[in-house]
Amino acid sequence: MNNFQSYRPKNNKEKFLAKAFLKLKTEQEVANFLRDLLTIKEFEEFANRLEMARLLKKGWSYKKIARELKVSTTTVTRTAHWLFRGCGGYDKVLTSS
């Protein structure tokens, strides 16, 4: 049993964004969309957050992750919060791969 929250888009713009991902079929299509949507720095930051979540699930310590990814332990803690108490998005992606 999980204790994940359920996020509901607040408006039509957020619904449109969520539905946009459903139209993408390949890794390349997703990468192209993300690159068009995000700055390079934002793309890198999102990839870093996912890597933090992956390492947390593997049991790495916050300090080891912070050192490896060159982020603060506070950043790792925030990612851990959403991994373990969020909406289940990280969990869904990480257990499916």
N, C-alpha and C. Protein backbone atom coordinates (compact mmCIF):
# COMPACT_ATOMS: atom_id res chain seq x y z
N MET A 1 0.85 -1.18 0.00
CA MET A 1 0.00 0.00 0.00
C MET A 1 0.89 1.24 0.00
N ASN A 2 0.58 2.19 -0.90
CA ASN A 2 1.35 3.43 -0.90
C ASN A 2 0.52 4.55 -0.30
N ASN A 3 1.22 5.58 0.11
CA ASN A 3 0.57 6.75 0.72
C ASN A 3 0.72 7.96 -0.18
N PHE A 4 0.77 7.74 -1.49
CA PHE A 4 0.98 8.84 -2.41
C PHE A 4 -0.24 9.74 -2.48
N GLN A 5 0.06 11.02 -2.66
CA GLN A 5 -1.00 12.00 -2.89
C GLN A 5 -1.45 11.86 -4.33
N SER A 6 -2.49 12.56 -4.70
CA SER A 6 -2.92 12.59 -6.09
C SER A 6 -3.04 14.06 -6.50
N TYR A 7 -2.26 14.45 -7.49
CA TYR A 7 -2.28 15.83 -7.94
C TYR A 7 -3.30 16.00 -9.05
N ARG A 8 -4.11 16.99 -8.93
CA ARG A 8 -5.08 17.34 -9.97
C ARG A 8 -4.64 18.66 -10.60
N PRO A 9 -4.50 18.67 -11.92
CA PRO A 9 -4.15 19.93 -12.58
C PRO A 9 -5.11 21.04 -12.16
N LYS A 10 -4.54 22.22 -11.90
CA LYS A 10 -5.33 23.35 -11.38
C LYS A 10 -6.13 24.09 -12.44
N ASN A 11 -5.72 23.94 -13.70
CA ASN A 11 -6.40 24.70 -14.75
C ASN A 11 -6.20 23.99 -16.09
N ASN A 12 -6.79 24.53 -17.12
CA ASN A 12 -6.71 23.92 -18.44
C ASN A 12 -5.29 23.91 -19.01
N LYS A 13 -4.49 24.90 -18.64
CA LYS A 13 -3.10 24.93 -19.11
C LYS A 13 -2.33 23.73 -18.57
N GLU A 14 -2.51 23.44 -17.28
CA GLU A 14 -1.82 22.30 -16.69
C GLU A 14 -2.34 20.98 -17.26
N LYS A 15 -3.64 20.90 -17.51
CA LYS A 15 -4.21 19.69 -18.14
C LYS A 15 -3.61 19.52 -19.54
N PHE A 16 -3.52 20.60 -20.30
CA PHE A 16 -2.97 20.56 -21.65
C PHE A 16 -1.52 20.07 -21.63
N LEU A 17 -0.74 20.55 -20.66
CA LEU A 17 0.65 20.12 -20.53
C LEU A 17 0.73 18.62 -20.23
N ALA A 18 -0.05 18.16 -19.28
CA ALA A 18 -0.04 16.73 -18.94
C ALA A 18 -0.44 15.88 -20.14
N LYS A 19 -1.47 16.30 -20.86
CA LYS A 19 -1.94 15.55 -22.02
C LYS A 19 -0.93 15.58 -23.17
N ALA A 20 -0.11 16.62 -23.23
CA ALA A 20 0.89 16.73 -24.29
C ALA A 20 1.85 15.53 -24.25
N PHE A 21 2.22 15.10 -23.05
CA PHE A 21 3.14 13.97 -22.93
C PHE A 21 2.52 12.68 -23.47
N LEU A 22 1.22 12.57 -23.39
CA LEU A 22 0.54 11.36 -23.88
C LEU A 22 0.61 11.22 -25.40
N LYS A 23 0.87 12.32 -26.09
CA LYS A 23 0.95 12.29 -27.55
C LYS A 23 2.31 11.81 -28.05
N LEU A 24 3.29 11.76 -27.16
CA LEU A 24 4.65 11.40 -27.55
C LEU A 24 4.84 9.90 -27.45
N LYS A 25 5.46 9.33 -28.49
CA LYS A 25 5.55 7.87 -28.57
C LYS A 25 6.96 7.32 -28.38
N THR A 26 7.97 8.11 -28.68
CA THR A 26 9.34 7.59 -28.61
C THR A 26 10.19 8.44 -27.68
N GLU A 27 11.32 7.86 -27.28
CA GLU A 27 12.28 8.60 -26.45
C GLU A 27 12.72 9.88 -27.15
N GLN A 28 12.95 9.79 -28.46
CA GLN A 28 13.39 10.96 -29.21
C GLN A 28 12.32 12.05 -29.24
N GLU A 29 11.05 11.68 -29.41
CA GLU A 29 9.96 12.66 -29.39
C GLU A 29 9.89 13.35 -28.03
N VAL A 30 10.05 12.59 -26.96
CA VAL A 30 10.01 13.17 -25.61
C VAL A 30 11.20 14.12 -25.43
N ALA A 31 12.39 13.67 -25.83
CA ALA A 31 13.58 14.52 -25.72
C ALA A 31 13.42 15.82 -26.50
N ASN A 32 12.88 15.72 -27.72
CA ASN A 32 12.68 16.92 -28.53
C ASN A 32 11.68 17.87 -27.87
N PHE A 33 10.60 17.33 -27.34
CA PHE A 33 9.59 18.16 -26.68
C PHE A 33 10.18 18.83 -25.44
N LEU A 34 10.88 18.05 -24.63
CA LEU A 34 11.48 18.63 -23.43
C LEU A 34 12.47 19.73 -23.78
N ARG A 35 13.26 19.52 -24.82
CA ARG A 35 14.24 20.54 -25.22
C ARG A 35 13.55 21.79 -25.72
N ASP A 36 12.43 21.65 -26.43
CA ASP A 36 11.68 22.82 -26.88
C ASP A 36 11.03 23.54 -25.70
N LEU A 37 10.59 22.78 -24.71
CA LEU A 37 9.85 23.32 -23.58
C LEU A 37 10.76 23.96 -22.53
N LEU A 38 11.92 23.34 -22.30
CA LEU A 38 12.80 23.74 -21.21
C LEU A 38 14.09 24.38 -21.72
N THR A 39 14.72 25.16 -20.86
CA THR A 39 16.08 25.62 -21.17
C THR A 39 17.01 24.42 -20.96
N ILE A 40 18.22 24.53 -21.48
CA ILE A 40 19.21 23.46 -21.28
C ILE A 40 19.43 23.24 -19.78
N LYS A 41 19.52 24.32 -19.02
CA LYS A 41 19.75 24.22 -17.57
C LYS A 41 18.57 23.50 -16.89
N GLU A 42 17.34 23.84 -17.26
CA GLU A 42 16.17 23.17 -16.69
C GLU A 42 16.15 21.69 -17.05
N PHE A 43 16.48 21.37 -18.28
CA PHE A 43 16.53 19.97 -18.73
C PHE A 43 17.54 19.20 -17.88
N GLU A 44 18.73 19.79 -17.70
CA GLU A 44 19.77 19.15 -16.88
C GLU A 44 19.31 18.99 -15.43
N GLU A 45 18.63 20.00 -14.90
CA GLU A 45 18.16 19.94 -13.51
C GLU A 45 17.11 18.84 -13.34
N PHE A 46 16.19 18.72 -14.27
CA PHE A 46 15.17 17.66 -14.18
C PHE A 46 15.82 16.29 -14.27
N ALA A 47 16.80 16.15 -15.16
CA ALA A 47 17.51 14.87 -15.28
C ALA A 47 18.25 14.56 -13.97
N ASN A 48 18.81 15.58 -13.36
CA ASN A 48 19.52 15.41 -12.09
C ASN A 48 18.56 14.96 -10.98
N ARG A 49 17.38 15.54 -10.94
CA ARG A 49 16.39 15.14 -9.92
C ARG A 49 16.00 13.68 -10.08
N LEU A 50 15.81 13.26 -11.32
CA LEU A 50 15.45 11.87 -11.56
C LEU A 50 16.59 10.94 -11.15
N GLU A 51 17.82 11.36 -11.43
CA GLU A 51 18.98 10.56 -11.01
C GLU A 51 19.06 10.48 -9.49
N MET A 52 18.79 11.59 -8.80
CA MET A 52 18.77 11.57 -7.34
C MET A 52 17.74 10.56 -6.84
N ALA A 53 16.56 10.59 -7.41
CA ALA A 53 15.50 9.66 -7.01
C ALA A 53 15.93 8.22 -7.26
N ARG A 54 16.58 7.97 -8.41
CA ARG A 54 17.04 6.61 -8.73
C ARG A 54 18.05 6.12 -7.70
N LEU A 55 18.99 7.00 -7.34
CA LEU A 55 20.01 6.63 -6.36
C LEU A 55 19.43 6.46 -4.97
N LEU A 56 18.47 7.29 -4.62
CA LEU A 56 17.78 7.13 -3.32
C LEU A 56 17.10 5.77 -3.24
N LYS A 57 16.43 5.38 -4.32
CA LYS A 57 15.76 4.07 -4.33
C LYS A 57 16.76 2.92 -4.23
N LYS A 58 17.98 3.15 -4.70
CA LYS A 58 19.03 2.13 -4.61
C LYS A 58 19.64 2.09 -3.21
N GLY A 59 19.26 3.05 -2.36
CA GLY A 59 19.74 3.05 -0.99
C GLY A 59 20.97 3.91 -0.72
N TRP A 60 21.35 4.72 -1.68
CA TRP A 60 22.50 5.60 -1.46
C TRP A 60 22.18 6.61 -0.37
N SER A 61 23.20 7.05 0.37
CA SER A 61 23.02 8.07 1.39
C SER A 61 22.86 9.44 0.74
N TYR A 62 22.22 10.34 1.47
CA TYR A 62 22.03 11.70 0.96
C TYR A 62 23.39 12.35 0.68
N LYS A 63 24.34 12.15 1.59
CA LYS A 63 25.67 12.76 1.43
C LYS A 63 26.39 12.22 0.20
N LYS A 64 26.29 10.92 -0.03
CA LYS A 64 26.96 10.32 -1.19
C LYS A 64 26.34 10.85 -2.49
N ILE A 65 25.02 10.96 -2.52
CA ILE A 65 24.34 11.49 -3.71
C ILE A 65 24.74 12.94 -3.94
N ALA A 66 24.75 13.73 -2.87
CA ALA A 66 25.12 15.15 -2.98
C ALA A 66 26.53 15.29 -3.54
N ARG A 67 27.45 14.48 -3.03
CA ARG A 67 28.83 14.51 -3.51
C ARG A 67 28.92 14.10 -4.98
N GLU A 68 28.26 13.00 -5.32
CA GLU A 68 28.32 12.44 -6.68
C GLU A 68 27.73 13.41 -7.71
N LEU A 69 26.59 14.03 -7.38
CA LEU A 69 25.89 14.88 -8.34
C LEU A 69 26.19 16.37 -8.17
N LYS A 70 27.05 16.68 -7.19
CA LYS A 70 27.45 18.07 -6.94
C LYS A 70 26.24 18.96 -6.65
N VAL A 71 25.41 18.49 -5.71
CA VAL A 71 24.26 19.25 -5.23
C VAL A 71 24.32 19.28 -3.71
N SER A 72 23.47 20.09 -3.12
CA SER A 72 23.43 20.13 -1.65
C SER A 72 22.60 18.97 -1.10
N THR A 73 22.84 18.64 0.15
CA THR A 73 22.02 17.61 0.78
C THR A 73 20.57 18.10 0.92
N THR A 74 20.37 19.40 0.98
CA THR A 74 19.02 19.96 1.01
C THR A 74 18.27 19.62 -0.27
N THR A 75 18.94 19.71 -1.40
CA THR A 75 18.32 19.36 -2.69
C THR A 75 17.96 17.88 -2.72
N VAL A 76 18.85 17.05 -2.21
CA VAL A 76 18.57 15.61 -2.15
C VAL A 76 17.38 15.36 -1.23
N THR A 77 17.32 16.07 -0.12
CA THR A 77 16.21 15.92 0.83
C THR A 77 14.89 16.29 0.19
N ARG A 78 14.86 17.37 -0.58
CA ARG A 78 13.63 17.77 -1.27
C ARG A 78 13.20 16.70 -2.28
N THR A 79 14.15 16.17 -3.01
CA THR A 79 13.83 15.11 -3.97
C THR A 79 13.30 13.88 -3.24
N ALA A 80 13.93 13.54 -2.13
CA ALA A 80 13.49 12.38 -1.33
C ALA A 80 12.06 12.59 -0.83
N HIS A 81 11.74 13.80 -0.43
CA HIS A 81 10.38 14.08 0.03
C HIS A 81 9.36 13.71 -1.04
N TRP A 82 9.59 14.18 -2.27
CA TRP A 82 8.64 13.91 -3.35
C TRP A 82 8.69 12.46 -3.81
N LEU A 83 9.86 11.82 -3.68
CA LEU A 83 9.96 10.40 -4.01
C LEU A 83 9.13 9.56 -3.05
N PHE A 84 9.24 9.84 -1.77
CA PHE A 84 8.60 8.99 -0.76
C PHE A 84 7.23 9.48 -0.28
N ARG A 85 6.93 10.77 -0.48
CA ARG A 85 5.66 11.30 0.01
C ARG A 85 4.89 12.10 -1.03
N GLY A 86 5.29 11.98 -2.28
CA GLY A 86 4.68 12.76 -3.35
C GLY A 86 3.49 12.05 -3.97
N CYS A 87 3.37 12.20 -5.26
CA CYS A 87 2.22 11.67 -6.00
C CYS A 87 2.49 10.33 -6.67
N GLY A 88 3.68 9.78 -6.49
CA GLY A 88 4.01 8.48 -7.08
C GLY A 88 4.61 8.56 -8.46
N GLY A 89 4.86 9.75 -8.96
CA GLY A 89 5.42 9.90 -10.30
C GLY A 89 6.81 9.32 -10.42
N TYR A 90 7.68 9.67 -9.48
CA TYR A 90 9.04 9.10 -9.51
C TYR A 90 8.96 7.58 -9.41
N ASP A 91 8.16 7.10 -8.48
CA ASP A 91 8.04 5.65 -8.27
C ASP A 91 7.58 4.94 -9.54
N LYS A 92 6.61 5.50 -10.21
CA LYS A 92 6.07 4.91 -11.43
C LYS A 92 7.15 4.81 -12.50
N VAL A 93 7.89 5.88 -12.68
CA VAL A 93 8.93 5.91 -13.72
C VAL A 93 10.10 4.99 -13.35
N LEU A 94 10.48 4.99 -12.09
CA LEU A 94 11.65 4.21 -11.69
C LEU A 94 11.38 2.72 -11.59
N THR A 95 10.16 2.31 -11.30
CA THR A 95 9.88 0.89 -11.23
C THR A 95 9.52 0.32 -12.60
N SER A 96 9.24 1.19 -13.55
CA SER A 96 8.89 0.75 -14.91
C SER A 96 10.12 0.57 -15.78
N SER A 97 11.26 1.13 -15.35
CA SER A 97 12.44 1.07 -16.21
C SER A 97 13.35 -0.07 -15.85
